[in-house]
Amino acid sequence: MQRLFFMNSAFVANQAKALAERLAKEANDDAARIRTAYERLYGRPATDEEVRLGMEFLGSNEKLWPQYAQVLLSAAEFSAVK
C-alpha cells in the first residue's frame, strides 16, 4: 500500500521533480546523474547494471527524469531503515 502512495502522491511527484532538477545541476550526463542519485538516496554507489537500466529507461529523453526520480524515491531501499 505504501508503494502505491509513493507512485500516486502529488507530494512525492513534486519531490521527484525537485530531485531531478537538483541532479541536473550536479552532474553533466545521465550516467553521472544516476550515480549521484544512488549516492544521495541510498548512500551507496550504483551498480553497473543499475546505471545500464537507468540509461535504458531514460534513453535521451530529458523529460523522463522526474518519473525516474519518483521510481527511485518509491524503492523499498529508500524508505527502509537499516
Protein backbone atom coordinates (compact mmCIF):
# COMPACT_ATOMS: atom_id res chain seq x y z
CA MET A 1 0.00 0.00 0.00
CA GLN A 2 2.81 2.41 0.85
CA ARG A 3 4.39 1.89 -2.61
CA LEU A 4 1.10 2.90 -4.25
CA PHE A 5 1.11 6.10 -2.19
CA PHE A 6 4.61 6.93 -3.39
CA MET A 7 3.72 6.25 -7.01
CA ASN A 8 0.47 8.27 -6.92
CA SER A 9 1.25 11.07 -4.48
CA ALA A 10 1.41 14.65 -5.76
CA PHE A 11 3.82 15.44 -2.92
CA VAL A 12 6.20 12.67 -3.98
CA ALA A 13 5.88 13.72 -7.63
CA ASN A 14 6.87 17.27 -6.68
CA GLN A 15 9.82 16.00 -4.66
CA ALA A 16 10.88 13.81 -7.58
CA LYS A 17 10.79 16.81 -9.88
CA ALA A 18 12.90 18.80 -7.44
CA LEU A 19 15.36 15.90 -7.17
CA ALA A 20 15.61 15.67 -10.97
CA GLU A 21 16.32 19.40 -11.17
CA ARG A 22 18.97 19.17 -8.45
CA LEU A 23 20.67 16.23 -10.16
CA ALA A 24 20.73 18.15 -13.45
CA LYS A 25 22.70 20.90 -11.72
CA GLU A 26 25.12 18.49 -10.04
CA ALA A 27 26.06 16.18 -12.91
CA ASN A 28 26.73 16.65 -16.61
CA ASP A 29 25.30 13.47 -18.13
CA ASP A 30 22.67 10.85 -17.35
CA ALA A 31 25.11 8.20 -16.11
CA ALA A 32 26.66 10.67 -13.66
CA ARG A 33 23.20 11.79 -12.54
CA ILE A 34 22.18 8.19 -11.90
CA ARG A 35 25.32 7.57 -9.86
CA THR A 36 24.75 10.78 -7.89
CA ALA A 37 21.11 9.83 -7.24
CA TYR A 38 22.12 6.45 -5.81
CA GLU A 39 24.71 8.06 -3.56
CA ARG A 40 22.22 10.68 -2.30
CA LEU A 41 19.21 8.40 -1.89
CA TYR A 42 20.70 5.06 -0.90
CA GLY A 43 24.11 6.02 0.46
CA ARG A 44 25.90 3.66 -1.89
CA PRO A 45 27.26 3.61 -5.42
CA ALA A 46 25.02 2.43 -8.24
CA THR A 47 25.99 -0.89 -9.77
CA ASP A 48 26.85 -1.05 -13.46
CA GLU A 49 23.54 -2.88 -14.00
CA GLU A 50 21.56 -0.13 -12.24
CA VAL A 51 23.25 2.53 -14.37
CA ARG A 52 22.55 0.49 -17.52
CA LEU A 53 18.88 0.04 -16.63
CA GLY A 54 18.51 3.72 -15.78
CA MET A 55 20.12 4.74 -19.07
CA GLU A 56 17.87 2.32 -20.94
CA PHE A 57 14.77 3.79 -19.30
CA LEU A 58 15.80 7.40 -19.88
CA GLY A 59 17.07 6.99 -23.43
CA SER A 60 17.83 10.55 -24.44
CA ASN A 61 14.53 11.94 -23.15
CA GLU A 62 15.26 14.60 -20.53
CA LYS A 63 11.54 14.76 -19.68
CA LEU A 64 11.65 11.27 -18.14
CA TRP A 65 13.94 12.32 -15.28
CA PRO A 66 11.14 13.26 -12.83
CA GLN A 67 9.47 9.90 -13.45
CA TYR A 68 12.77 8.06 -12.96
CA ALA A 69 13.44 10.02 -9.77
CA GLN A 70 9.98 9.09 -8.48
CA VAL A 71 10.74 5.41 -9.05
CA LEU A 72 13.98 5.78 -7.08
CA LEU A 73 12.10 7.52 -4.25
CA SER A 74 9.49 4.75 -4.27
CA ALA A 75 12.00 1.93 -3.87
CA ALA A 76 11.99 -0.04 -0.65
CA GLU A 77 15.70 0.70 -0.32
CA PHE A 78 14.92 4.40 0.06
CA SER A 79 12.31 4.03 2.80
CA ALA A 80 13.76 1.09 4.73
CA VAL A 81 15.67 1.85 7.90
CA LYS A 82 18.80 -0.24 8.32
